Amino acid sequence: MESQSDSSRQSVKRRSPAVVLTPGGIRTLLKGLQIRERTLVFIAASTGIRQSELFALKSGDINLSAGTMNVARSIVHGFVGSCNRPSFESIVVVPLTLVRRDKCH
């Protein structure tokens, strides 16, 4: 049985199983989106960060020259708070495709 003090686990049980998209499914989804939404979905799918963490990102959290982003906050029910990630997991590698795309613009 899981300990309640394990902050790396979700505090709320899922109501239904997670839906996992295949790479082809992700490509199909990305094709139908505008650039802002496509970028958000691409970051989430390629890094595995949670929706609440994705929406709390600020531009200063992303360091394209280092290829990293600092996942330090999450937004839950409209409130910004710290993440349930251990500190060693708070730096996430940014996909090279996103880094290359930014350097071209």
Protein backbone atom coordinates (compact mmCIF):
# COMPACT_ATOMS: atom_id res chain seq x y z
CA MET A 1 0.00 0.00 0.00
CA GLU A 2 1.26 3.50 -0.86
CA SER A 3 2.28 5.90 1.85
CA GLN A 4 0.36 9.19 1.98
CA SER A 5 3.65 11.03 2.46
CA ASP A 6 4.92 10.00 -0.98
CA SER A 7 4.64 13.37 -2.75
CA SER A 8 5.61 11.95 -6.15
CA ARG A 9 2.27 10.15 -6.43
CA GLN A 10 -1.07 11.64 -7.40
CA SER A 11 -3.14 12.62 -4.41
CA VAL A 12 -6.42 11.89 -6.18
CA LYS A 13 -7.27 8.54 -7.73
CA ARG A 14 -8.04 8.52 -11.45
CA ARG A 15 -11.70 8.08 -12.32
CA SER A 16 -10.81 6.24 -15.53
CA PRO A 17 -7.69 4.71 -17.04
CA ALA A 18 -5.26 7.09 -18.72
CA VAL A 19 -5.50 7.26 -22.51
CA VAL A 20 -2.08 6.77 -24.08
CA LEU A 21 -1.66 7.98 -27.66
CA THR A 22 0.61 6.29 -30.16
CA PRO A 23 3.17 8.44 -32.02
CA GLY A 24 0.83 8.33 -35.04
CA GLY A 25 -2.10 9.44 -32.88
CA ILE A 26 -0.08 12.35 -31.55
CA ARG A 27 0.88 13.41 -35.11
CA THR A 28 -2.78 13.27 -36.15
CA LEU A 29 -3.81 15.34 -33.14
CA LEU A 30 -1.08 17.95 -33.78
CA LYS A 31 -2.17 18.45 -37.43
CA GLY A 32 -5.58 19.78 -36.42
CA LEU A 33 -4.33 22.35 -33.89
CA GLN A 34 -3.29 25.99 -34.06
CA ILE A 35 0.36 26.81 -33.23
CA ARG A 36 -0.24 27.66 -29.53
CA GLU A 37 -2.19 24.47 -28.81
CA ARG A 38 0.13 22.38 -31.00
CA THR A 39 3.14 23.61 -28.97
CA LEU A 40 1.42 22.79 -25.66
CA VAL A 41 0.44 19.29 -26.80
CA PHE A 42 3.92 18.68 -28.26
CA ILE A 43 5.62 19.70 -25.00
CA ALA A 44 3.27 17.55 -22.90
CA ALA A 45 3.57 14.51 -25.16
CA SER A 46 7.34 14.68 -25.49
CA THR A 47 8.24 15.49 -21.87
CA GLY A 48 5.52 13.78 -19.87
CA ILE A 49 4.78 16.82 -17.69
CA ARG A 50 1.32 17.00 -16.19
CA GLN A 51 -1.40 19.29 -17.55
CA SER A 52 -1.36 21.35 -14.35
CA GLU A 53 2.43 21.82 -14.68
CA LEU A 54 2.18 22.70 -18.38
CA PHE A 55 -0.36 25.46 -17.76
CA ALA A 56 1.77 26.93 -14.97
CA LEU A 57 4.91 27.28 -17.11
CA LYS A 58 6.25 30.80 -17.64
CA SER A 59 8.55 31.85 -20.47
CA GLY A 60 11.41 32.26 -17.96
CA ASP A 61 11.06 28.58 -17.03
CA ILE A 62 12.23 27.51 -20.49
CA ASN A 63 15.93 27.75 -21.38
CA LEU A 64 16.21 26.84 -25.05
CA SER A 65 19.97 27.37 -25.19
CA ALA A 66 20.43 24.79 -22.41
CA GLY A 67 17.58 22.63 -23.75
CA THR A 68 15.81 22.50 -20.38
CA MET A 69 12.74 23.78 -18.59
CA ASN A 70 12.18 24.23 -14.88
CA VAL A 71 8.88 22.69 -13.77
CA ALA A 72 8.37 24.43 -10.44
CA ARG A 73 4.64 25.23 -10.28
CA SER A 74 1.29 23.72 -11.07
CA ILE A 75 -2.20 25.15 -11.38
CA VAL A 76 -5.00 23.17 -9.71
CA HIS A 77 -8.56 24.49 -9.54
CA GLY A 78 -7.29 27.97 -10.46
CA PHE A 79 -4.68 28.11 -7.70
CA VAL A 80 -0.93 28.19 -8.38
CA GLY A 81 1.17 26.07 -6.07
CA SER A 82 4.40 24.12 -5.97
CA CYS A 83 4.66 20.82 -7.84
CA ASN A 84 4.46 17.38 -6.34
CA ARG A 85 7.75 16.51 -8.04
CA PRO A 86 10.93 15.71 -6.18
CA SER A 87 13.43 18.53 -6.76
CA PHE A 88 15.68 16.31 -8.91
CA GLU A 89 12.79 15.91 -11.39
CA SER A 90 12.00 19.61 -11.69
CA ILE A 91 14.44 20.18 -14.57
CA VAL A 92 12.99 18.61 -17.71
CA VAL A 93 14.80 18.24 -21.04
CA VAL A 94 13.16 20.23 -23.85
CA PRO A 95 12.71 18.24 -27.08
CA LEU A 96 15.38 19.12 -29.68
CA THR A 97 12.66 19.68 -32.29
CA LEU A 98 11.29 22.57 -30.23
CA VAL A 99 14.76 24.03 -29.69
CA ARG A 100 15.56 23.87 -33.42
CA ARG A 101 12.19 25.40 -34.36
CA ASP A 102 12.78 28.38 -32.03
CA LYS A 103 16.27 29.02 -33.42
CA CYS A 104 14.82 29.19 -36.95
CA HIS A 105 12.39 32.01 -36.03
